[in-house]
């Protein structure tokens, strides 16, 4: 049995929705993995800080002065 144009459109929309839901499920899995990793890394950071491990303090380099940008000339200023 051949589908009408509207039925074909409905089928395409349903297929697209299924694909999007599958993609969302995969992304949610990736998000959960990243969140778990971030929590583990936070635990490592807290442990190391609890052991008084510190990073050396970086001295701030003085900001190099950049020349002022040239103002755009209006057409009549040439």
N, C-alpha and C. Protein backbone atom coordinates (compact mmCIF):
# COMPACT_ATOMS: atom_id res chain seq x y z
N UNK A 1 0.85 -1.18 0.00
CA UNK A 1 0.00 0.00 0.00
C UNK A 1 0.89 1.24 0.00
N UNK A 2 0.62 2.14 -0.90
CA UNK A 2 1.42 3.36 -1.02
C UNK A 2 0.91 4.43 -0.06
N UNK A 3 1.85 5.12 0.59
CA UNK A 3 1.49 6.16 1.55
C UNK A 3 1.17 7.45 0.82
N UNK A 4 0.21 8.19 1.38
CA UNK A 4 -0.08 9.51 0.82
C UNK A 4 1.06 10.46 1.20
N UNK A 5 1.04 11.64 0.60
CA UNK A 5 2.09 12.63 0.89
C UNK A 5 2.08 13.01 2.37
N UNK A 6 0.90 13.15 2.93
CA UNK A 6 0.79 13.51 4.36
C UNK A 6 1.30 12.37 5.24
N UNK A 7 1.00 11.14 4.87
CA UNK A 7 1.48 9.99 5.64
C UNK A 7 3.00 9.88 5.55
N UNK A 8 3.56 10.16 4.37
CA UNK A 8 5.01 10.14 4.22
C UNK A 8 5.64 11.22 5.10
N UNK A 9 5.00 12.39 5.15
CA UNK A 9 5.51 13.48 5.99
C UNK A 9 5.45 13.09 7.46
N UNK A 10 4.34 12.48 7.87
CA UNK A 10 4.19 12.02 9.25
C UNK A 10 5.26 10.99 9.58
N UNK A 11 5.49 10.05 8.69
CA UNK A 11 6.51 9.02 8.93
C UNK A 11 7.90 9.66 9.05
N UNK A 12 8.20 10.64 8.20
CA UNK A 12 9.50 11.31 8.25
C UNK A 12 9.66 12.06 9.58
N UNK A 13 8.59 12.68 10.04
CA UNK A 13 8.65 13.40 11.33
C UNK A 13 8.87 12.44 12.49
N UNK A 14 8.18 11.31 12.47
CA UNK A 14 8.34 10.31 13.53
C UNK A 14 9.76 9.76 13.53
N UNK A 15 10.29 9.47 12.33
CA UNK A 15 11.67 8.97 12.23
C UNK A 15 12.66 10.00 12.74
N UNK A 16 12.44 11.27 12.39
CA UNK A 16 13.34 12.33 12.84
C UNK A 16 13.27 12.48 14.35
N UNK A 17 12.07 12.37 14.92
CA UNK A 17 11.91 12.48 16.37
C UNK A 17 12.66 11.34 17.07
N UNK A 18 12.55 10.13 16.56
CA UNK A 18 13.25 8.99 17.16
C UNK A 18 14.76 9.22 17.12
N UNK A 19 15.25 9.73 16.00
CA UNK A 19 16.68 10.00 15.87
C UNK A 19 17.13 11.06 16.87
N UNK A 20 16.33 12.11 17.02
CA UNK A 20 16.67 13.17 17.98
C UNK A 20 16.66 12.65 19.41
N UNK A 21 15.68 11.82 19.74
CA UNK A 21 15.62 11.25 21.09
C UNK A 21 16.82 10.35 21.36
N UNK A 22 17.24 9.58 20.36
CA UNK A 22 18.43 8.74 20.51
C UNK A 22 19.66 9.61 20.74
N UNK A 23 19.79 10.68 19.96
CA UNK A 23 20.92 11.60 20.13
C UNK A 23 20.92 12.22 21.52
N UNK A 24 19.74 12.61 21.98
CA UNK A 24 19.63 13.22 23.31
C UNK A 24 20.04 12.23 24.40
N UNK A 25 19.67 10.97 24.22
CA UNK A 25 20.03 9.94 25.19
C UNK A 25 21.55 9.75 25.23
N UNK A 26 22.18 9.74 24.05
CA UNK A 26 23.63 9.61 23.99
C UNK A 26 24.31 10.81 24.66
N UNK A 27 23.80 12.00 24.37
CA UNK A 27 24.38 13.21 24.97
C UNK A 27 24.20 13.21 26.49
N UNK A 28 23.06 12.73 26.96
CA UNK A 28 22.83 12.66 28.41
C UNK A 28 23.84 11.71 29.05
N UNK A 29 24.13 10.61 28.38
CA UNK A 29 25.14 9.67 28.88
C UNK A 29 26.51 10.33 28.96
N UNK A 30 26.87 11.08 27.91
CA UNK A 30 28.15 11.79 27.90
C UNK A 30 28.20 12.83 29.01
N UNK A 31 27.08 13.53 29.21
CA UNK A 31 27.01 14.54 30.26
C UNK A 31 27.21 13.90 31.64
N UNK A 32 26.57 12.76 31.86
CA UNK A 32 26.71 12.06 33.13
C UNK A 32 28.16 11.63 33.37
N UNK A 33 28.82 11.13 32.32
CA UNK A 33 30.23 10.73 32.44
C UNK A 33 31.11 11.92 32.78
N UNK A 34 30.88 13.05 32.12
CA UNK A 34 31.68 14.26 32.38
C UNK A 34 31.45 14.77 33.80
N UNK A 35 30.19 14.72 34.25
CA UNK A 35 29.87 15.17 35.61
C UNK A 35 30.58 14.29 36.63
N UNK A 36 30.56 12.97 36.42
CA UNK A 36 31.24 12.05 37.33
C UNK A 36 32.74 12.34 37.37
N UNK A 37 33.33 12.58 36.21
CA UNK A 37 34.76 12.88 36.14
C UNK A 37 35.07 14.20 36.86
N UNK A 38 34.21 15.20 36.68
CA UNK A 38 34.42 16.49 37.35
C UNK A 38 34.36 16.33 38.87
N UNK A 39 33.45 15.50 39.35
CA UNK A 39 33.34 15.27 40.80
C UNK A 39 34.60 14.57 41.32
N UNK A 40 35.10 13.59 40.57
CA UNK A 40 36.32 12.88 40.98
C UNK A 40 37.51 13.84 41.02
N UNK A 41 37.62 14.68 40.00
CA UNK A 41 38.72 15.64 39.96
C UNK A 41 38.61 16.63 41.11
N UNK A 42 37.39 17.06 41.44
CA UNK A 42 37.20 17.96 42.57
C UNK A 42 37.68 17.29 43.86
N UNK A 43 37.40 16.00 44.00
CA UNK A 43 37.87 15.26 45.18
C UNK A 43 39.39 15.22 45.24
N UNK A 44 40.03 15.03 44.11
CA UNK A 44 41.50 15.01 44.07
C UNK A 44 42.05 16.38 44.45
N UNK A 45 41.43 17.44 43.92
CA UNK A 45 41.87 18.80 44.24
C UNK A 45 41.75 19.05 45.73
N UNK A 46 40.61 18.69 46.31
CA UNK A 46 40.41 18.90 47.75
C UNK A 46 41.41 18.09 48.57
N UNK A 47 41.69 16.85 48.14
CA UNK A 47 42.67 16.04 48.86
C UNK A 47 44.05 16.71 48.83
N UNK A 48 44.47 17.11 47.64
CA UNK A 48 45.79 17.73 47.51
C UNK A 48 45.88 19.03 48.30
N UNK A 49 44.83 19.82 48.26
CA UNK A 49 44.83 21.06 49.04
C UNK A 49 44.84 20.76 50.54
N UNK A 50 44.19 19.67 50.93
CA UNK A 50 44.21 19.25 52.33
C UNK A 50 45.59 18.80 52.77
N UNK A 51 46.42 18.37 51.82
CA UNK A 51 47.80 17.97 52.09
C UNK A 51 48.75 19.17 51.96
N UNK A 52 48.17 20.36 51.88
CA UNK A 52 48.92 21.62 51.75
C UNK A 52 49.73 21.70 50.46
N UNK A 53 49.26 21.05 49.42
CA UNK A 53 49.89 21.20 48.11
C UNK A 53 49.34 22.47 47.51
N UNK A 54 50.25 23.37 47.14
CA UNK A 54 49.83 24.65 46.56
C UNK A 54 50.62 24.93 45.30
N UNK A 55 50.01 25.67 44.42
CA UNK A 55 50.69 26.10 43.22
C UNK A 55 51.48 27.37 43.53
N UNK A 56 52.61 27.55 42.86
CA UNK A 56 53.35 28.79 43.09
C UNK A 56 52.52 29.99 42.63
N UNK A 57 52.68 31.09 43.34
CA UNK A 57 51.96 32.31 42.99
C UNK A 57 52.64 32.94 41.78
N UNK A 58 51.87 33.20 40.76
CA UNK A 58 52.42 33.81 39.56
C UNK A 58 52.41 35.32 39.73
N UNK A 59 53.54 35.94 39.39
CA UNK A 59 53.58 37.38 39.43
C UNK A 59 52.88 37.91 38.20
N UNK A 60 52.06 38.93 38.42
CA UNK A 60 51.34 39.50 37.29
C UNK A 60 52.27 40.41 36.51
N UNK A 61 52.39 40.13 35.23
CA UNK A 61 53.22 40.97 34.37
C UNK A 61 52.48 42.27 34.13
N UNK A 62 53.21 43.38 34.13
CA UNK A 62 52.52 44.65 33.86
C UNK A 62 51.91 44.62 32.46
N UNK A 63 50.72 45.16 32.36
CA UNK A 63 50.04 45.16 31.07
C UNK A 63 50.77 46.08 30.11
N UNK A 64 51.09 45.54 28.96
CA UNK A 64 51.77 46.35 27.95
C UNK A 64 50.78 47.38 27.42
N UNK A 65 51.25 48.60 27.34
CA UNK A 65 50.36 49.64 26.84
C UNK A 65 50.23 49.49 25.34
N UNK A 66 49.01 49.41 24.91
CA UNK A 66 48.78 49.31 23.47
C UNK A 66 48.42 50.69 22.95
N UNK A 67 48.87 50.98 21.74
CA UNK A 67 48.55 52.30 21.19
C UNK A 67 47.05 52.45 21.01
N UNK A 68 46.58 53.68 21.18
CA UNK A 68 45.16 53.95 21.04
C UNK A 68 44.74 53.67 19.60
N UNK A 69 43.59 53.02 19.41
CA UNK A 69 43.15 52.73 18.05
C UNK A 69 42.84 54.03 17.30
N UNK A 70 43.16 54.00 16.02
CA UNK A 70 42.91 55.19 15.22
C UNK A 70 41.40 55.32 14.99
N UNK A 71 40.94 56.55 15.06
CA UNK A 71 39.53 56.79 14.83
C UNK A 71 39.26 56.75 13.32
N UNK A 72 38.16 56.15 12.98
CA UNK A 72 37.79 56.08 11.57
C UNK A 72 37.45 57.48 11.07
N UNK A 73 37.94 57.80 9.91
CA UNK A 73 37.66 59.11 9.34
C UNK A 73 36.31 59.08 8.64
N UNK A 74 35.57 60.14 8.81
CA UNK A 74 34.31 60.27 8.10
C UNK A 74 34.62 60.58 6.64
N UNK A 75 33.68 60.34 5.75
CA UNK A 75 33.91 60.54 4.33
C UNK A 75 34.35 61.97 4.02
N UNK A 76 33.82 62.94 4.71
CA UNK A 76 34.13 64.33 4.42
C UNK A 76 35.46 64.78 5.03
N UNK A 77 36.12 63.97 5.87
CA UNK A 77 37.34 64.38 6.58
C UNK A 77 38.61 64.11 5.78
N UNK A 78 38.53 63.57 4.59
CA UNK A 78 39.73 63.19 3.85
C UNK A 78 40.49 64.34 3.35
